Amino acid sequence: PAARRLGVGTALLRHLAGIAVARGCARFEWSVLDWNEPAIRFYRTMGAVGQDEWTVQRVSGEALARMAGE
């Protein structure tokens, strides 16, 4: 919270977007927890659009080992 409103997030996203453009990427994506409303509002002010049709899938721990066949 102490770093909020100092321009750090804006500078970081602009820098990363610049890298994406320089490398010819068609898009730049990241994840944010659905309850993190302040972050979502900030990302929207930067031009981000939520992708509601996507869900995150995760495998960890024992399930990850099983998936790996171990």
N, C-alpha and C. Protein backbone atom coordinates (compact mmCIF):
# COMPACT_ATOMS: atom_id res chain seq x y z
N PRO A 1 0.80 -1.22 0.00
CA PRO A 1 0.00 0.00 0.00
C PRO A 1 0.84 1.28 0.00
N ALA A 2 2.01 1.23 0.62
CA ALA A 2 2.84 2.44 0.70
C ALA A 2 3.33 2.89 -0.67
N ALA A 3 3.42 1.96 -1.61
CA ALA A 3 3.91 2.31 -2.96
C ALA A 3 2.79 2.71 -3.91
N ARG A 4 1.55 2.66 -3.44
CA ARG A 4 0.44 3.03 -4.31
C ARG A 4 0.47 4.52 -4.63
N ARG A 5 0.00 4.82 -5.84
CA ARG A 5 -0.13 6.19 -6.32
C ARG A 5 1.21 6.92 -6.49
N LEU A 6 2.27 6.15 -6.65
CA LEU A 6 3.59 6.74 -6.90
C LEU A 6 3.99 6.60 -8.36
N GLY A 7 3.14 5.94 -9.15
CA GLY A 7 3.44 5.77 -10.57
C GLY A 7 4.24 4.52 -10.89
N VAL A 8 4.54 3.72 -9.88
CA VAL A 8 5.35 2.52 -10.10
C VAL A 8 4.62 1.52 -10.99
N GLY A 9 3.36 1.26 -10.68
CA GLY A 9 2.59 0.30 -11.47
C GLY A 9 2.42 0.75 -12.92
N THR A 10 2.13 2.02 -13.09
CA THR A 10 1.99 2.57 -14.44
C THR A 10 3.29 2.44 -15.21
N ALA A 11 4.40 2.78 -14.58
CA ALA A 11 5.71 2.69 -15.24
C ALA A 11 6.03 1.24 -15.59
N LEU A 12 5.74 0.32 -14.68
CA LEU A 12 6.02 -1.10 -14.93
C LEU A 12 5.21 -1.62 -16.11
N LEU A 13 3.90 -1.35 -16.11
CA LEU A 13 3.06 -1.83 -17.20
C LEU A 13 3.45 -1.20 -18.53
N ARG A 14 3.77 0.08 -18.53
CA ARG A 14 4.20 0.74 -19.77
C ARG A 14 5.50 0.13 -20.29
N HIS A 15 6.42 -0.16 -19.38
CA HIS A 15 7.69 -0.78 -19.77
C HIS A 15 7.45 -2.16 -20.38
N LEU A 16 6.64 -2.97 -19.70
CA LEU A 16 6.36 -4.32 -20.21
C LEU A 16 5.60 -4.27 -21.53
N ALA A 17 4.66 -3.33 -21.66
CA ALA A 17 3.94 -3.17 -22.92
C ALA A 17 4.91 -2.79 -24.03
N GLY A 18 5.88 -1.95 -23.72
CA GLY A 18 6.88 -1.57 -24.70
C GLY A 18 7.70 -2.76 -25.17
N ILE A 19 8.05 -3.64 -24.25
CA ILE A 19 8.78 -4.86 -24.61
C ILE A 19 7.92 -5.72 -25.51
N ALA A 20 6.64 -5.87 -25.16
CA ALA A 20 5.73 -6.68 -25.97
C ALA A 20 5.63 -6.13 -27.39
N VAL A 21 5.46 -4.82 -27.52
CA VAL A 21 5.36 -4.20 -28.84
C VAL A 21 6.66 -4.38 -29.62
N ALA A 22 7.80 -4.16 -28.96
CA ALA A 22 9.10 -4.29 -29.63
C ALA A 22 9.35 -5.71 -30.13
N ARG A 23 8.78 -6.69 -29.43
CA ARG A 23 8.98 -8.09 -29.83
C ARG A 23 7.89 -8.58 -30.77
N GLY A 24 6.99 -7.70 -31.16
CA GLY A 24 5.95 -8.06 -32.11
C GLY A 24 4.80 -8.85 -31.52
N CYS A 25 4.62 -8.78 -30.23
CA CYS A 25 3.51 -9.49 -29.58
C CYS A 25 2.19 -8.80 -29.92
N ALA A 26 1.16 -9.60 -30.09
CA ALA A 26 -0.16 -9.06 -30.40
C ALA A 26 -0.94 -8.70 -29.13
N ARG A 27 -0.50 -9.21 -27.99
CA ARG A 27 -1.20 -8.92 -26.74
C ARG A 27 -0.26 -9.12 -25.56
N PHE A 28 -0.71 -8.65 -24.41
CA PHE A 28 0.03 -8.71 -23.15
C PHE A 28 -1.01 -9.11 -22.11
N GLU A 29 -0.81 -10.23 -21.47
CA GLU A 29 -1.79 -10.74 -20.51
C GLU A 29 -1.15 -11.01 -19.16
N TRP A 30 -1.95 -10.89 -18.11
CA TRP A 30 -1.52 -11.21 -16.76
C TRP A 30 -2.75 -11.61 -15.96
N SER A 31 -2.53 -12.07 -14.75
CA SER A 31 -3.63 -12.53 -13.90
C SER A 31 -3.80 -11.59 -12.71
N VAL A 32 -5.03 -11.50 -12.26
CA VAL A 32 -5.35 -10.75 -11.04
C VAL A 32 -6.50 -11.48 -10.35
N LEU A 33 -6.45 -11.55 -9.04
CA LEU A 33 -7.52 -12.21 -8.29
C LEU A 33 -8.81 -11.40 -8.43
N ASP A 34 -9.93 -12.10 -8.58
CA ASP A 34 -11.20 -11.42 -8.85
C ASP A 34 -11.67 -10.51 -7.72
N TRP A 35 -11.16 -10.72 -6.51
CA TRP A 35 -11.56 -9.86 -5.39
C TRP A 35 -10.71 -8.60 -5.29
N ASN A 36 -9.65 -8.50 -6.09
CA ASN A 36 -8.74 -7.36 -6.00
C ASN A 36 -9.25 -6.19 -6.85
N GLU A 37 -10.34 -5.63 -6.39
CA GLU A 37 -11.01 -4.55 -7.13
C GLU A 37 -10.12 -3.34 -7.40
N PRO A 38 -9.30 -2.90 -6.44
CA PRO A 38 -8.44 -1.75 -6.74
C PRO A 38 -7.49 -2.03 -7.91
N ALA A 39 -6.92 -3.22 -7.95
CA ALA A 39 -6.02 -3.57 -9.05
C ALA A 39 -6.78 -3.64 -10.36
N ILE A 40 -7.96 -4.24 -10.35
CA ILE A 40 -8.77 -4.35 -11.57
C ILE A 40 -9.12 -2.96 -12.09
N ARG A 41 -9.52 -2.07 -11.20
CA ARG A 41 -9.83 -0.69 -11.63
C ARG A 41 -8.60 -0.03 -12.24
N PHE A 42 -7.45 -0.22 -11.61
CA PHE A 42 -6.21 0.35 -12.13
C PHE A 42 -5.91 -0.20 -13.51
N TYR A 43 -5.98 -1.52 -13.68
CA TYR A 43 -5.68 -2.12 -14.98
C TYR A 43 -6.64 -1.62 -16.05
N ARG A 44 -7.89 -1.42 -15.69
CA ARG A 44 -8.87 -0.91 -16.66
C ARG A 44 -8.52 0.52 -17.08
N THR A 45 -8.01 1.33 -16.14
CA THR A 45 -7.61 2.69 -16.53
C THR A 45 -6.44 2.66 -17.50
N MET A 46 -5.67 1.58 -17.49
CA MET A 46 -4.54 1.42 -18.40
C MET A 46 -4.97 0.82 -19.74
N GLY A 47 -6.27 0.48 -19.86
CA GLY A 47 -6.77 -0.05 -21.12
C GLY A 47 -7.00 -1.55 -21.13
N ALA A 48 -6.75 -2.22 -20.01
CA ALA A 48 -6.95 -3.67 -19.95
C ALA A 48 -8.44 -4.01 -19.99
N VAL A 49 -8.75 -5.15 -20.56
CA VAL A 49 -10.12 -5.64 -20.64
C VAL A 49 -10.14 -7.04 -20.03
N GLY A 50 -11.02 -7.27 -19.07
CA GLY A 50 -11.13 -8.58 -18.44
C GLY A 50 -11.55 -9.64 -19.44
N GLN A 51 -11.02 -10.84 -19.26
CA GLN A 51 -11.31 -11.96 -20.15
C GLN A 51 -12.13 -12.98 -19.38
N ASP A 52 -13.41 -12.72 -19.24
CA ASP A 52 -14.27 -13.55 -18.41
C ASP A 52 -14.46 -14.96 -18.93
N GLU A 53 -14.17 -15.19 -20.21
CA GLU A 53 -14.38 -16.53 -20.75
C GLU A 53 -13.24 -17.49 -20.38
N TRP A 54 -12.19 -17.00 -19.76
CA TRP A 54 -11.06 -17.83 -19.37
C TRP A 54 -11.11 -18.13 -17.88
N THR A 55 -10.69 -19.34 -17.50
CA THR A 55 -10.53 -19.68 -16.09
C THR A 55 -9.12 -20.21 -15.90
N VAL A 56 -8.58 -20.03 -14.72
CA VAL A 56 -7.24 -20.52 -14.40
C VAL A 56 -7.36 -21.94 -13.89
N GLN A 57 -6.50 -22.80 -14.38
CA GLN A 57 -6.44 -24.18 -13.92
C GLN A 57 -5.10 -24.38 -13.23
N ARG A 58 -5.09 -25.13 -12.13
CA ARG A 58 -3.85 -25.32 -11.38
C ARG A 58 -3.73 -26.77 -10.95
N VAL A 59 -2.52 -27.28 -11.04
CA VAL A 59 -2.19 -28.61 -10.53
C VAL A 59 -0.99 -28.42 -9.62
N SER A 60 -1.06 -28.94 -8.40
CA SER A 60 0.05 -28.79 -7.47
C SER A 60 0.16 -30.01 -6.56
N GLY A 61 1.24 -30.06 -5.83
CA GLY A 61 1.43 -31.12 -4.84
C GLY A 61 1.35 -32.52 -5.42
N GLU A 62 0.60 -33.38 -4.73
CA GLU A 62 0.48 -34.78 -5.14
C GLU A 62 -0.16 -34.91 -6.52
N ALA A 63 -1.12 -34.07 -6.83
CA ALA A 63 -1.77 -34.13 -8.14
C ALA A 63 -0.76 -33.82 -9.25
N LEU A 64 0.17 -32.91 -8.99
CA LEU A 64 1.21 -32.59 -9.96
C LEU A 64 2.12 -33.79 -10.18
N ALA A 65 2.50 -34.44 -9.08
CA ALA A 65 3.34 -35.63 -9.18
C ALA A 65 2.62 -36.73 -9.96
N ARG A 66 1.33 -36.92 -9.70
CA ARG A 66 0.56 -37.94 -10.44
C ARG A 66 0.50 -37.58 -11.92
N MET A 67 0.28 -36.32 -12.23
CA MET A 67 0.21 -35.91 -13.62
C MET A 67 1.53 -36.19 -14.33
N ALA A 68 2.63 -36.02 -13.60
CA ALA A 68 3.96 -36.27 -14.16
C ALA A 68 4.27 -37.75 -14.25
N GLY A 69 3.36 -38.58 -13.71
CA GLY A 69 3.56 -40.03 -13.77
C GLY A 69 4.48 -40.56 -12.70
N GLU A 70 4.64 -39.81 -11.64
CA GLU A 70 5.53 -40.24 -10.56
C GLU A 70 4.76 -40.85 -9.42
